[in-house]
Amino acid sequence: MSSKVFVGNLDFNTTKAEVQNLFAQIGEIKDVFLPMDRESGRPRGFAFVEFASEEDAAKAIERFNGYELSGRALRVNAAEDRPRAAGGGRGRSSFGGGGGYGGGGGYEGGGGGDRFPGKPKGSRRNIRGKKRSL
């Protein structure tokens, strides 16, 4: 298990300091990452908390999963490490390229063959081309 936990279902007005103060009750915290929305500038409703030890992370999951903060039940679980794409672009697939099959590549259902059946695969042009070939 990792020493990093994912904290979901945060209120959009929750600050980094509030998250840090809450989880500091468990043990030493290395880092708190609270992603901000680019357009609105406010938090996106989740955070990552990295503890100094895996034991503290496990205690935090046990204690704060379902804990109510600002009227919302927190979802706390072990953070999953997602590999960075080769292109360095956030949320981009490392396969597909710019114009071919999977040109709209993204993790949530862009290119990638039959990895996510039933979801659109790529740009509108690619979808029309697939319909014609049926």
N, C-alpha and C. Protein backbone atom coordinates (compact mmCIF):
# COMPACT_ATOMS: atom_id res chain seq x y z
N MET A 1 0.84 -1.19 0.00
CA MET A 1 0.00 0.00 0.00
C MET A 1 0.88 1.24 0.00
N SER A 2 0.38 2.28 -0.57
CA SER A 2 1.11 3.54 -0.64
C SER A 2 0.86 4.37 0.61
N SER A 3 1.70 5.35 0.84
CA SER A 3 1.48 6.26 1.96
C SER A 3 0.63 7.45 1.54
N LYS A 4 0.10 7.41 0.31
CA LYS A 4 -0.73 8.49 -0.21
C LYS A 4 -2.19 8.05 -0.26
N VAL A 5 -3.09 8.91 0.21
CA VAL A 5 -4.51 8.60 0.18
C VAL A 5 -5.27 9.61 -0.67
N PHE A 6 -6.34 9.14 -1.28
CA PHE A 6 -7.24 9.97 -2.06
C PHE A 6 -8.40 10.36 -1.15
N VAL A 7 -8.75 11.64 -1.14
CA VAL A 7 -9.86 12.13 -0.33
C VAL A 7 -10.88 12.73 -1.30
N GLY A 8 -12.01 12.07 -1.44
CA GLY A 8 -13.03 12.52 -2.38
C GLY A 8 -14.26 13.05 -1.68
N ASN A 9 -15.14 13.67 -2.47
CA ASN A 9 -16.41 14.24 -2.02
C ASN A 9 -16.21 15.42 -1.07
N LEU A 10 -15.14 16.18 -1.31
CA LEU A 10 -14.92 17.39 -0.51
C LEU A 10 -15.85 18.50 -0.98
N ASP A 11 -16.24 19.35 -0.06
CA ASP A 11 -16.99 20.54 -0.42
C ASP A 11 -16.08 21.44 -1.25
N PHE A 12 -16.63 22.14 -2.21
CA PHE A 12 -15.81 22.98 -3.10
C PHE A 12 -15.19 24.17 -2.38
N ASN A 13 -15.65 24.48 -1.19
CA ASN A 13 -15.08 25.59 -0.42
C ASN A 13 -14.03 25.13 0.59
N THR A 14 -13.73 23.85 0.63
CA THR A 14 -12.74 23.31 1.55
C THR A 14 -11.35 23.78 1.15
N THR A 15 -10.57 24.20 2.14
CA THR A 15 -9.22 24.69 1.87
C THR A 15 -8.18 23.61 2.14
N LYS A 16 -6.98 23.84 1.63
CA LYS A 16 -5.86 22.93 1.85
C LYS A 16 -5.56 22.83 3.35
N ALA A 17 -5.64 23.97 4.05
CA ALA A 17 -5.35 23.99 5.49
C ALA A 17 -6.35 23.14 6.27
N GLU A 18 -7.62 23.18 5.87
CA GLU A 18 -8.63 22.37 6.56
C GLU A 18 -8.34 20.87 6.39
N VAL A 19 -7.99 20.48 5.17
CA VAL A 19 -7.67 19.08 4.90
C VAL A 19 -6.43 18.67 5.70
N GLN A 20 -5.42 19.53 5.71
CA GLN A 20 -4.18 19.23 6.43
C GLN A 20 -4.44 19.12 7.92
N ASN A 21 -5.22 20.03 8.49
CA ASN A 21 -5.50 19.99 9.93
C ASN A 21 -6.28 18.73 10.31
N LEU A 22 -7.21 18.32 9.47
CA LEU A 22 -7.99 17.13 9.75
C LEU A 22 -7.12 15.88 9.76
N PHE A 23 -6.32 15.70 8.73
CA PHE A 23 -5.52 14.49 8.61
C PHE A 23 -4.27 14.50 9.48
N ALA A 24 -3.86 15.67 9.98
CA ALA A 24 -2.71 15.74 10.89
C ALA A 24 -3.03 15.08 12.23
N GLN A 25 -4.31 14.85 12.51
CA GLN A 25 -4.70 14.15 13.74
C GLN A 25 -4.18 12.72 13.74
N ILE A 26 -3.95 12.16 12.56
CA ILE A 26 -3.50 10.77 12.43
C ILE A 26 -2.00 10.64 12.60
N GLY A 27 -1.25 11.51 11.92
CA GLY A 27 0.21 11.41 11.97
C GLY A 27 0.86 12.48 11.11
N GLU A 28 2.16 12.31 10.91
CA GLU A 28 2.94 13.29 10.16
C GLU A 28 2.56 13.27 8.67
N ILE A 29 2.29 14.47 8.15
CA ILE A 29 1.90 14.62 6.75
C ILE A 29 3.08 15.17 5.97
N LYS A 30 3.38 14.53 4.83
CA LYS A 30 4.43 15.02 3.95
C LYS A 30 3.91 16.10 3.01
N ASP A 31 2.70 15.87 2.46
CA ASP A 31 2.17 16.80 1.46
C ASP A 31 0.66 16.67 1.36
N VAL A 32 0.01 17.79 1.02
CA VAL A 32 -1.42 17.80 0.70
C VAL A 32 -1.55 18.48 -0.65
N PHE A 33 -2.17 17.79 -1.59
CA PHE A 33 -2.37 18.34 -2.93
C PHE A 33 -3.87 18.49 -3.16
N LEU A 34 -4.31 19.72 -3.35
CA LEU A 34 -5.72 20.04 -3.58
C LEU A 34 -5.83 20.67 -4.97
N PRO A 35 -6.15 19.87 -5.99
CA PRO A 35 -6.21 20.40 -7.36
C PRO A 35 -7.26 21.49 -7.49
N MET A 36 -6.91 22.53 -8.25
CA MET A 36 -7.82 23.65 -8.48
C MET A 36 -8.36 23.59 -9.91
N ASP A 37 -9.58 24.02 -10.07
CA ASP A 37 -10.19 24.12 -11.39
C ASP A 37 -9.55 25.30 -12.12
N ARG A 38 -9.16 25.09 -13.37
CA ARG A 38 -8.47 26.15 -14.11
C ARG A 38 -9.35 27.36 -14.37
N GLU A 39 -10.61 27.11 -14.65
CA GLU A 39 -11.51 28.21 -15.03
C GLU A 39 -12.04 28.98 -13.83
N SER A 40 -12.52 28.25 -12.81
CA SER A 40 -13.13 28.94 -11.67
C SER A 40 -12.12 29.29 -10.58
N GLY A 41 -10.99 28.57 -10.53
CA GLY A 41 -9.98 28.84 -9.52
C GLY A 41 -10.30 28.26 -8.15
N ARG A 42 -11.39 27.51 -8.06
CA ARG A 42 -11.73 26.90 -6.77
C ARG A 42 -11.39 25.42 -6.78
N PRO A 43 -11.31 24.79 -5.61
CA PRO A 43 -10.95 23.37 -5.55
C PRO A 43 -11.92 22.49 -6.34
N ARG A 44 -11.42 21.36 -6.82
CA ARG A 44 -12.20 20.47 -7.67
C ARG A 44 -12.99 19.43 -6.88
N GLY A 45 -12.90 19.42 -5.57
CA GLY A 45 -13.71 18.51 -4.77
C GLY A 45 -12.99 17.25 -4.32
N PHE A 46 -11.68 17.19 -4.52
CA PHE A 46 -10.91 16.06 -4.02
C PHE A 46 -9.50 16.51 -3.69
N ALA A 47 -8.78 15.65 -2.97
CA ALA A 47 -7.42 15.97 -2.56
C ALA A 47 -6.61 14.69 -2.43
N PHE A 48 -5.29 14.86 -2.40
CA PHE A 48 -4.38 13.76 -2.13
C PHE A 48 -3.57 14.15 -0.90
N VAL A 49 -3.50 13.24 0.07
CA VAL A 49 -2.74 13.48 1.28
C VAL A 49 -1.66 12.41 1.36
N GLU A 50 -0.41 12.86 1.47
CA GLU A 50 0.70 11.91 1.57
C GLU A 50 1.23 11.93 3.00
N PHE A 51 1.24 10.74 3.60
CA PHE A 51 1.71 10.59 4.98
C PHE A 51 3.18 10.15 4.99
N ALA A 52 3.82 10.30 6.14
CA ALA A 52 5.21 9.88 6.29
C ALA A 52 5.32 8.36 6.31
N SER A 53 4.24 7.67 6.72
CA SER A 53 4.30 6.20 6.78
C SER A 53 3.02 5.58 6.22
N GLU A 54 3.16 4.34 5.78
CA GLU A 54 2.01 3.60 5.26
C GLU A 54 1.01 3.29 6.37
N GLU A 55 1.50 3.09 7.58
CA GLU A 55 0.61 2.79 8.71
C GLU A 55 -0.34 3.96 8.97
N ASP A 56 0.20 5.19 8.91
CA ASP A 56 -0.65 6.36 9.12
C ASP A 56 -1.69 6.48 8.02
N ALA A 57 -1.30 6.17 6.80
CA ALA A 57 -2.26 6.22 5.68
C ALA A 57 -3.38 5.23 5.91
N ALA A 58 -3.05 4.02 6.36
CA ALA A 58 -4.07 3.01 6.63
C ALA A 58 -5.01 3.45 7.75
N LYS A 59 -4.44 4.08 8.79
CA LYS A 59 -5.26 4.60 9.90
C LYS A 59 -6.21 5.69 9.40
N ALA A 60 -5.70 6.56 8.52
CA ALA A 60 -6.52 7.66 7.99
C ALA A 60 -7.70 7.12 7.18
N ILE A 61 -7.45 6.08 6.38
CA ILE A 61 -8.53 5.48 5.59
C ILE A 61 -9.59 4.91 6.52
N GLU A 62 -9.12 4.18 7.56
CA GLU A 62 -10.05 3.55 8.50
C GLU A 62 -10.87 4.60 9.27
N ARG A 63 -10.21 5.67 9.68
CA ARG A 63 -10.88 6.66 10.53
C ARG A 63 -11.75 7.64 9.75
N PHE A 64 -11.29 8.09 8.59
CA PHE A 64 -11.98 9.18 7.91
C PHE A 64 -12.84 8.78 6.72
N ASN A 65 -12.83 7.53 6.31
CA ASN A 65 -13.74 7.12 5.24
C ASN A 65 -15.16 7.15 5.78
N GLY A 66 -15.99 8.00 5.21
CA GLY A 66 -17.36 8.20 5.68
C GLY A 66 -17.49 9.34 6.69
N TYR A 67 -16.36 9.92 7.10
CA TYR A 67 -16.35 11.04 8.05
C TYR A 67 -17.04 12.24 7.42
N GLU A 68 -17.86 12.94 8.21
CA GLU A 68 -18.58 14.09 7.67
C GLU A 68 -17.79 15.38 7.88
N LEU A 69 -17.51 16.08 6.78
CA LEU A 69 -16.80 17.35 6.81
C LEU A 69 -17.59 18.33 5.96
N SER A 70 -17.99 19.44 6.55
CA SER A 70 -18.80 20.47 5.87
C SER A 70 -20.08 19.87 5.29
N GLY A 71 -20.67 18.94 6.02
CA GLY A 71 -21.94 18.37 5.60
C GLY A 71 -21.84 17.30 4.53
N ARG A 72 -20.64 16.85 4.21
CA ARG A 72 -20.46 15.83 3.17
C ARG A 72 -19.65 14.67 3.72
N ALA A 73 -20.06 13.46 3.39
CA ALA A 73 -19.36 12.25 3.83
C ALA A 73 -18.13 12.05 2.94
N LEU A 74 -16.96 12.08 3.54
CA LEU A 74 -15.72 11.93 2.77
C LEU A 74 -15.55 10.51 2.27
N ARG A 75 -14.93 10.39 1.12
CA ARG A 75 -14.53 9.09 0.59
C ARG A 75 -13.01 9.06 0.63
N VAL A 76 -12.46 8.20 1.46
CA VAL A 76 -11.01 8.13 1.64
C VAL A 76 -10.54 6.72 1.32
N ASN A 77 -9.61 6.62 0.38
CA ASN A 77 -9.02 5.32 0.05
C ASN A 77 -7.60 5.50 -0.45
N ALA A 78 -6.91 4.39 -0.64
CA ALA A 78 -5.52 4.44 -1.09
C ALA A 78 -5.46 5.06 -2.48
N ALA A 79 -4.54 5.97 -2.68
CA ALA A 79 -4.38 6.62 -3.99
C ALA A 79 -3.71 5.65 -4.94
N GLU A 80 -4.18 5.64 -6.18
CA GLU A 80 -3.59 4.78 -7.20
C GLU A 80 -2.61 5.60 -8.01
N ASP A 81 -1.42 5.07 -8.21
CA ASP A 81 -0.44 5.74 -9.05
C ASP A 81 -0.79 5.47 -10.50
N ARG A 82 -1.05 6.53 -11.25
CA ARG A 82 -1.33 6.39 -12.67
C ARG A 82 -0.08 6.78 -13.44
N PRO A 83 0.33 5.94 -14.38
CA PRO A 83 1.54 6.27 -15.14
C PRO A 83 1.32 7.50 -16.00
N ARG A 84 2.36 8.32 -16.11
CA ARG A 84 2.31 9.51 -16.95
C ARG A 84 2.40 9.09 -18.41
N ALA A 85 1.66 9.77 -19.28
CA ALA A 85 1.69 9.49 -20.71
C ALA A 85 3.04 9.91 -21.28
N ALA A 86 3.47 9.24 -22.35
CA ALA A 86 4.76 9.54 -22.96
C ALA A 86 4.82 10.95 -23.49
N GLY A 87 3.68 11.46 -23.99
CA GLY A 87 3.64 12.81 -24.55
C GLY A 87 3.68 13.89 -23.50
N GLY A 88 3.50 13.54 -22.24
CA GLY A 88 3.55 14.52 -21.17
C GLY A 88 2.27 15.30 -21.01
N GLY A 89 1.31 15.11 -21.92
CA GLY A 89 0.06 15.84 -21.83
C GLY A 89 -0.85 15.23 -20.78
N ARG A 90 -1.50 16.09 -20.03
CA ARG A 90 -2.38 15.62 -18.97
C ARG A 90 -3.64 15.01 -19.56
N GLY A 91 -3.97 13.79 -19.17
CA GLY A 91 -5.20 13.16 -19.62
C GLY A 91 -5.13 12.65 -21.04
N ARG A 92 -3.97 12.60 -21.63
CA ARG A 92 -3.85 12.17 -23.02
C ARG A 92 -3.42 10.72 -23.07
N SER A 93 -3.88 10.05 -24.09
CA SER A 93 -3.50 8.68 -24.31
C SER A 93 -2.12 8.64 -24.96
N SER A 94 -1.35 7.61 -24.70
CA SER A 94 -0.03 7.53 -25.31
C SER A 94 -0.08 6.83 -26.66
N PHE A 95 -1.29 6.48 -27.11
CA PHE A 95 -1.44 5.84 -28.41
C PHE A 95 -2.47 6.61 -29.22
N GLY A 96 -2.50 6.39 -30.51
CA GLY A 96 -3.54 7.02 -31.32
C GLY A 96 -3.02 8.15 -32.16
N GLY A 97 -2.23 9.02 -31.63
CA GLY A 97 -1.73 10.14 -32.41
C GLY A 97 -2.78 11.22 -32.61
N GLY A 98 -2.45 12.19 -33.47
CA GLY A 98 -3.32 13.35 -33.62
C GLY A 98 -4.49 13.16 -34.55
N GLY A 99 -4.35 12.47 -35.66
CA GLY A 99 -5.45 12.47 -36.61
C GLY A 99 -6.05 11.13 -36.91
N GLY A 100 -5.37 10.07 -36.56
CA GLY A 100 -5.86 8.74 -36.90
C GLY A 100 -6.89 8.24 -35.92
N TYR A 101 -7.07 6.95 -35.91
CA TYR A 101 -8.02 6.33 -35.00
C TYR A 101 -7.64 6.69 -33.57
N GLY A 102 -8.58 7.21 -32.81
CA GLY A 102 -8.30 7.57 -31.43
C GLY A 102 -7.73 8.97 -31.30
N GLY A 103 -7.98 9.82 -32.28
CA GLY A 103 -7.43 11.18 -32.26
C GLY A 103 -7.92 12.00 -31.09
N GLY A 104 -9.08 11.67 -30.54
CA GLY A 104 -9.59 12.41 -29.39
C GLY A 104 -9.11 11.79 -28.10
N GLY A 105 -8.02 11.06 -28.16
CA GLY A 105 -7.55 10.21 -27.07
C GLY A 105 -7.57 10.85 -25.72
N GLY A 106 -8.15 10.18 -24.80
CA GLY A 106 -8.18 10.59 -23.41
C GLY A 106 -8.45 9.35 -22.61
N TYR A 107 -8.23 9.38 -21.34
CA TYR A 107 -8.37 8.17 -20.54
C TYR A 107 -9.81 7.69 -20.49
N GLU A 108 -10.78 8.62 -20.43
CA GLU A 108 -12.15 8.23 -20.20
C GLU A 108 -12.91 7.86 -21.46
N GLY A 109 -12.33 7.20 -22.40
CA GLY A 109 -13.12 6.69 -23.50
C GLY A 109 -12.71 7.24 -24.84
N GLY A 110 -11.65 8.00 -24.92
CA GLY A 110 -11.15 8.40 -26.23
C GLY A 110 -10.53 7.17 -26.85
N GLY A 111 -9.57 7.27 -27.72
CA GLY A 111 -8.99 6.15 -28.46
C GLY A 111 -8.73 4.93 -27.61
N GLY A 112 -8.16 3.93 -28.22
CA GLY A 112 -7.79 2.78 -27.43
C GLY A 112 -8.47 1.50 -27.82
N GLY A 113 -8.97 1.41 -29.04
CA GLY A 113 -9.56 0.16 -29.49
C GLY A 113 -10.81 -0.18 -28.72
N ASP A 114 -10.94 -1.44 -28.34
CA ASP A 114 -12.14 -1.90 -27.65
C ASP A 114 -11.96 -1.89 -26.14
N ARG A 115 -11.09 -1.03 -25.67
CA ARG A 115 -10.82 -0.98 -24.23
C ARG A 115 -12.05 -0.53 -23.45
N PHE A 116 -12.84 0.38 -24.02
CA PHE A 116 -14.07 0.85 -23.39
C PHE A 116 -15.22 0.68 -24.38
N PRO A 117 -15.70 -0.55 -24.59
CA PRO A 117 -16.76 -0.75 -25.57
C PRO A 117 -18.02 0.02 -25.20
N GLY A 118 -18.70 0.55 -26.21
CA GLY A 118 -19.92 1.30 -25.98
C GLY A 118 -19.70 2.78 -25.81
N LYS A 119 -18.46 3.20 -25.74
CA LYS A 119 -18.16 4.63 -25.60
C LYS A 119 -17.63 5.14 -26.93
N PRO A 120 -17.84 6.42 -27.22
CA PRO A 120 -17.32 7.00 -28.46
C PRO A 120 -15.81 6.88 -28.52
N LYS A 121 -15.30 6.62 -29.69
CA LYS A 121 -13.87 6.42 -29.85
C LYS A 121 -13.29 7.50 -30.75
N GLY A 122 -12.89 8.58 -30.16
CA GLY A 122 -12.20 9.60 -30.94
C GLY A 122 -13.11 10.75 -31.36
N SER A 123 -12.69 11.40 -32.41
CA SER A 123 -13.38 12.60 -32.86
C SER A 123 -14.68 12.26 -33.58
N ARG A 124 -15.48 13.27 -33.82
CA ARG A 124 -16.75 13.08 -34.52
C ARG A 124 -16.52 12.50 -35.91
N ARG A 125 -15.45 12.92 -36.56
CA ARG A 125 -15.14 12.41 -37.89
C ARG A 125 -14.92 10.90 -37.85
N ASN A 126 -14.19 10.46 -36.85
CA ASN A 126 -13.94 9.03 -36.72
C ASN A 126 -15.21 8.25 -36.46
N ILE A 127 -16.12 8.80 -35.68
CA ILE A 127 -17.39 8.13 -35.40
C ILE A 127 -18.21 8.00 -36.67
N ARG A 128 -18.27 9.06 -37.46
CA ARG A 128 -19.02 9.02 -38.72
C ARG A 128 -18.42 7.97 -39.66
N GLY A 129 -17.09 7.91 -39.70
CA GLY A 129 -16.43 6.93 -40.54
C GLY A 129 -16.76 5.51 -40.11
N LYS A 130 -16.83 5.28 -38.82
CA LYS A 130 -17.17 3.94 -38.33
C LYS A 130 -18.60 3.58 -38.69
N LYS A 131 -19.52 4.56 -38.59
CA LYS A 131 -20.91 4.29 -38.94
C LYS A 131 -21.04 3.92 -40.40
N ARG A 132 -20.30 4.60 -41.26
CA ARG A 132 -20.36 4.31 -42.69
C ARG A 132 -19.86 2.91 -43.00
N SER A 133 -18.88 2.46 -42.23
CA SER A 133 -18.29 1.17 -42.53
C SER A 133 -19.13 0.00 -42.01
N LEU A 134 -20.15 0.27 -41.23
CA LEU A 134 -20.98 -0.82 -40.66
C LEU A 134 -21.89 -1.42 -41.67
